[in-house]
Amino acid sequence: MRGCDAEIRISGRKQYIMTDTDGRLLDVEVHAADRQDRSGAKGVLRRSRSRFPFVGKVYADGGYARRLVTWAQNKTHVALEIVKRPPSANGFVVSRRHWVVERTFAWIVKCRRLVRDYEQLTAVAETLVTIAAIATILRRSA
């Protein structure tokens, strides 16, 4: 399954992940890049409710704003808080809670197989991301 998102210039697939506040992977979903971000995040939020009922608040970036916030509250009973960039910011600015997910993506990409999109099936890509996250946790705990 492949696609192309012309807006952010991605061809192939997008990965949607949910992490805890320390950056440990809780859930992952992989879709074709032509799928909209808000619809891709719904699967992760749905599964998070059944797997992690103690999660009450989820932080997301500005791409997940508007209808997804009310959908998450009504369907999954999770408060989705949008972390936006300050309007007065020029250039790169570290956003509150945004760096946790970006750091997790950096840890996952250390697995050489995930640098490029070689997989035919999205289920295989999701499994490899999970294995890379497990390897990261084992490396950090040793």
C-alpha atoms as a PDB file:
ATOM      1  CA  MET A   1       0.000   0.000   0.000  1.00  0.00           C
ATOM      2  CA  ARG A   2       1.592   3.220  -1.148  1.00  0.00           C
ATOM      3  CA  GLY A   3       0.434   6.748  -1.730  1.00  0.00           C
ATOM      4  CA  CYS A   4       1.635  10.310  -2.130  1.00  0.00           C
ATOM      5  CA  ASP A   5       0.954  13.339   0.059  1.00  0.00           C
ATOM      6  CA  ALA A   6       1.784  16.360  -2.076  1.00  0.00           C
ATOM      7  CA  GLU A   7       1.320  18.836   0.747  1.00  0.00           C
ATOM      8  CA  ILE A   8       4.208  17.567   2.864  1.00  0.00           C
ATOM      9  CA  ARG A   9       6.070  15.889  -0.023  1.00  0.00           C
ATOM     10  CA  ILE A  10       5.922  12.326   1.254  1.00  0.00           C
ATOM     11  CA  SER A  11       5.674   9.382  -1.067  1.00  0.00           C
ATOM     12  CA  GLY A  12       5.050   5.927   0.354  1.00  0.00           C
ATOM     13  CA  ARG A  13       3.706   5.608   3.881  1.00  0.00           C
ATOM     14  CA  LYS A  14       3.022   7.582   7.037  1.00  0.00           C
ATOM     15  CA  GLN A  15       3.490   6.276  10.552  1.00  0.00           C
ATOM     16  CA  TYR A  16       1.199   7.316  13.387  1.00  0.00           C
ATOM     17  CA  ILE A  17       2.536   6.542  16.844  1.00  0.00           C
ATOM     18  CA  MET A  18       1.413   7.047  20.408  1.00  0.00           C
ATOM     19  CA  THR A  19       4.047   7.256  23.129  1.00  0.00           C
ATOM     20  CA  ASP A  20       4.062   7.796  26.851  1.00  0.00           C
ATOM     21  CA  THR A  21       5.744  10.863  28.353  1.00  0.00           C
ATOM     22  CA  ASP A  22       9.133   9.108  28.376  1.00  0.00           C
ATOM     23  CA  GLY A  23       8.965   8.273  24.672  1.00  0.00           C
ATOM     24  CA  ARG A  24       8.168   4.562  24.955  1.00  0.00           C
ATOM     25  CA  LEU A  25       6.003   3.314  22.114  1.00  0.00           C
ATOM     26  CA  LEU A  26       2.413   2.476  23.070  1.00  0.00           C
ATOM     27  CA  ASP A  27       0.819   2.007  19.662  1.00  0.00           C
ATOM     28  CA  VAL A  28       1.665   2.344  15.979  1.00  0.00           C
ATOM     29  CA  GLU A  29      -0.341   2.455  12.776  1.00  0.00           C
ATOM     30  CA  VAL A  30       1.030   2.649   9.231  1.00  0.00           C
ATOM     31  CA  HIS A  31      -1.008   3.904   6.263  1.00  0.00           C
ATOM     32  CA  ALA A  32      -0.470   4.981   2.697  1.00  0.00           C
ATOM     33  CA  ALA A  33       0.746   8.584   2.509  1.00  0.00           C
ATOM     34  CA  ASP A  34      -2.323   9.762   0.623  1.00  0.00           C
ATOM     35  CA  ARG A  35      -4.500   9.277   3.704  1.00  0.00           C
ATOM     36  CA  GLN A  36      -5.280  12.383   5.748  1.00  0.00           C
ATOM     37  CA  ASP A  37      -3.567  12.730   9.129  1.00  0.00           C
ATOM     38  CA  ARG A  38      -6.790  13.083  11.103  1.00  0.00           C
ATOM     39  CA  SER A  39      -8.237   9.844   9.734  1.00  0.00           C
ATOM     40  CA  GLY A  40      -4.975   7.993  10.334  1.00  0.00           C
ATOM     41  CA  ALA A  41      -4.888   8.994  13.994  1.00  0.00           C
ATOM     42  CA  LYS A  42      -8.369   7.642  14.694  1.00  0.00           C
ATOM     43  CA  GLY A  43      -7.211   4.018  14.687  1.00  0.00           C
ATOM     44  CA  VAL A  44      -4.463   4.723  17.208  1.00  0.00           C
ATOM     45  CA  LEU A  45      -6.876   6.614  19.468  1.00  0.00           C
ATOM     46  CA  ARG A  46      -9.527   3.866  19.254  1.00  0.00           C
ATOM     47  CA  ARG A  47      -7.067   1.143  20.217  1.00  0.00           C
ATOM     48  CA  SER A  48      -5.518   3.249  22.973  1.00  0.00           C
ATOM     49  CA  ARG A  49      -8.823   3.307  24.837  1.00  0.00           C
ATOM     50  CA  SER A  50      -9.069  -0.476  25.037  1.00  0.00           C
ATOM     51  CA  ARG A  51      -5.360  -1.143  25.603  1.00  0.00           C
ATOM     52  CA  PHE A  52      -4.609   1.770  27.945  1.00  0.00           C
ATOM     53  CA  PRO A  53      -7.797   2.808  29.771  1.00  0.00           C
ATOM     54  CA  PHE A  54      -5.778   4.939  32.205  1.00  0.00           C
ATOM     55  CA  VAL A  55      -4.743   7.411  29.456  1.00  0.00           C
ATOM     56  CA  GLY A  56      -6.862  10.510  29.892  1.00  0.00           C
ATOM     57  CA  LYS A  57      -5.013  13.140  27.887  1.00  0.00           C
ATOM     58  CA  VAL A  58      -3.218  12.890  24.553  1.00  0.00           C
ATOM     59  CA  TYR A  59      -1.024  15.620  23.073  1.00  0.00           C
ATOM     60  CA  ALA A  60      -1.025  16.149  19.299  1.00  0.00           C
ATOM     61  CA  ASP A  61       0.365  18.730  16.901  1.00  0.00           C
ATOM     62  CA  GLY A  62      -1.635  21.262  14.906  1.00  0.00           C
ATOM     63  CA  GLY A  63      -2.331  18.899  12.010  1.00  0.00           C
ATOM     64  CA  TYR A  64      -4.822  17.020  14.172  1.00  0.00           C
ATOM     65  CA  ALA A  65      -6.922  20.036  15.198  1.00  0.00           C
ATOM     66  CA  ARG A  66     -10.625  20.783  14.697  1.00  0.00           C
ATOM     67  CA  ARG A  67     -12.943  17.800  14.227  1.00  0.00           C
ATOM     68  CA  LEU A  68     -10.547  15.194  15.621  1.00  0.00           C
ATOM     69  CA  VAL A  69     -10.601  16.872  19.051  1.00  0.00           C
ATOM     70  CA  THR A  70     -14.383  16.512  19.375  1.00  0.00           C
ATOM     71  CA  TRP A  71     -14.305  13.024  17.816  1.00  0.00           C
ATOM     72  CA  ALA A  72     -11.710  11.864  20.366  1.00  0.00           C
ATOM     73  CA  GLN A  73     -13.742  13.267  23.250  1.00  0.00           C
ATOM     74  CA  ASN A  74     -17.035  11.751  22.066  1.00  0.00           C
ATOM     75  CA  LYS A  75     -15.881   8.347  20.785  1.00  0.00           C
ATOM     76  CA  THR A  76     -12.848   7.463  22.900  1.00  0.00           C
ATOM     77  CA  HIS A  77     -13.350   9.719  25.951  1.00  0.00           C
ATOM     78  CA  VAL A  78      -9.791  10.986  25.662  1.00  0.00           C
ATOM     79  CA  ALA A  79      -8.971  14.667  25.948  1.00  0.00           C
ATOM     80  CA  LEU A  80      -6.934  15.586  22.868  1.00  0.00           C
ATOM     81  CA  GLU A  81      -4.803  18.663  23.535  1.00  0.00           C
ATOM     82  CA  ILE A  82      -3.335  20.390  20.484  1.00  0.00           C
ATOM     83  CA  VAL A  83       0.213  21.683  20.959  1.00  0.00           C
ATOM     84  CA  LYS A  84       0.602  24.668  18.666  1.00  0.00           C
ATOM     85  CA  ARG A  85       3.577  26.711  17.677  1.00  0.00           C
ATOM     86  CA  PRO A  86       3.640  30.182  19.286  1.00  0.00           C
ATOM     87  CA  PRO A  87       2.447  32.812  16.766  1.00  0.00           C
ATOM     88  CA  SER A  88       5.370  35.109  17.577  1.00  0.00           C
ATOM     89  CA  ALA A  89       8.001  32.420  16.853  1.00  0.00           C
ATOM     90  CA  ASN A  90      10.530  32.846  14.060  1.00  0.00           C
ATOM     91  CA  GLY A  91      12.454  29.826  12.822  1.00  0.00           C
ATOM     92  CA  PHE A  92      12.796  26.643  14.871  1.00  0.00           C
ATOM     93  CA  VAL A  93      11.113  26.584  18.277  1.00  0.00           C
ATOM     94  CA  VAL A  94      10.912  23.632  20.659  1.00  0.00           C
ATOM     95  CA  SER A  95       7.211  23.012  21.272  1.00  0.00           C
ATOM     96  CA  ARG A  96       5.868  21.646  24.525  1.00  0.00           C
ATOM     97  CA  ARG A  97       5.503  17.820  24.347  1.00  0.00           C
ATOM     98  CA  HIS A  98       6.180  17.716  20.589  1.00  0.00           C
ATOM     99  CA  TRP A  99       9.813  16.684  21.021  1.00  0.00           C
ATOM    100  CA  VAL A 100       8.866  13.437  22.830  1.00  0.00           C
ATOM    101  CA  VAL A 101       7.337  11.883  19.708  1.00  0.00           C
ATOM    102  CA  GLU A 102      10.066  13.251  17.442  1.00  0.00           C
ATOM    103  CA  ARG A 103      12.703  11.721  19.717  1.00  0.00           C
ATOM    104  CA  THR A 104      10.897   8.357  19.550  1.00  0.00           C
ATOM    105  CA  PHE A 105      10.886   8.527  15.748  1.00  0.00           C
ATOM    106  CA  ALA A 106      14.655   9.213  15.879  1.00  0.00           C
ATOM    107  CA  TRP A 107      15.192   6.165  18.097  1.00  0.00           C
ATOM    108  CA  ILE A 108      13.124   3.980  15.775  1.00  0.00           C
ATOM    109  CA  VAL A 109      14.976   5.103  12.645  1.00  0.00           C
ATOM    110  CA  LYS A 110      18.234   3.865  14.176  1.00  0.00           C
ATOM    111  CA  CYS A 111      17.041   0.478  12.954  1.00  0.00           C
ATOM    112  CA  ARG A 112      18.553   0.436   9.444  1.00  0.00           C
ATOM    113  CA  ARG A 113      15.641  -1.419   7.889  1.00  0.00           C
ATOM    114  CA  LEU A 114      13.258   1.420   8.758  1.00  0.00           C
ATOM    115  CA  VAL A 115      15.323   4.158   7.108  1.00  0.00           C
ATOM    116  CA  ARG A 116      13.785   3.243   3.750  1.00  0.00           C
ATOM    117  CA  ASP A 117      10.322   1.898   3.033  1.00  0.00           C
ATOM    118  CA  TYR A 118      11.050  -1.641   1.816  1.00  0.00           C
ATOM    119  CA  GLU A 119       7.956  -3.438   3.091  1.00  0.00           C
ATOM    120  CA  GLN A 120       5.071  -4.588   0.881  1.00  0.00           C
ATOM    121  CA  LEU A 121       2.484  -4.831   3.672  1.00  0.00           C
ATOM    122  CA  THR A 122       1.636  -2.200   6.284  1.00  0.00           C
ATOM    123  CA  ALA A 123       1.287  -4.923   8.944  1.00  0.00           C
ATOM    124  CA  VAL A 124       4.942  -5.872   8.413  1.00  0.00           C
ATOM    125  CA  ALA A 125       5.983  -2.212   8.685  1.00  0.00           C
ATOM    126  CA  GLU A 126       4.027  -1.874  11.965  1.00  0.00           C
ATOM    127  CA  THR A 127       5.672  -5.009  13.335  1.00  0.00           C
ATOM    128  CA  LEU A 128       9.157  -3.783  12.431  1.00  0.00           C
ATOM    129  CA  VAL A 129       8.488  -0.437  14.150  1.00  0.00           C
ATOM    130  CA  THR A 130       7.385  -2.333  17.259  1.00  0.00           C
ATOM    131  CA  ILE A 131      10.518  -4.498  17.167  1.00  0.00           C
ATOM    132  CA  ALA A 132      12.709  -1.403  16.795  1.00  0.00           C
ATOM    133  CA  ALA A 133      10.986   0.196  19.804  1.00  0.00           C
ATOM    134  CA  ILE A 134      11.527  -2.967  21.879  1.00  0.00           C
ATOM    135  CA  ALA A 135      15.210  -3.007  20.907  1.00  0.00           C
ATOM    136  CA  THR A 136      15.469   0.647  21.956  1.00  0.00           C
ATOM    137  CA  ILE A 137      13.961  -0.089  25.365  1.00  0.00           C
ATOM    138  CA  LEU A 138      16.329  -3.034  25.857  1.00  0.00           C
ATOM    139  CA  ARG A 139      19.329  -0.885  24.890  1.00  0.00           C
ATOM    140  CA  ARG A 140      18.294   1.877  27.288  1.00  0.00           C
ATOM    141  CA  SER A 141      17.701  -0.471  30.221  1.00  0.00           C
ATOM    142  CA  ALA A 142      20.999  -2.333  29.898  1.00  0.00           C
END
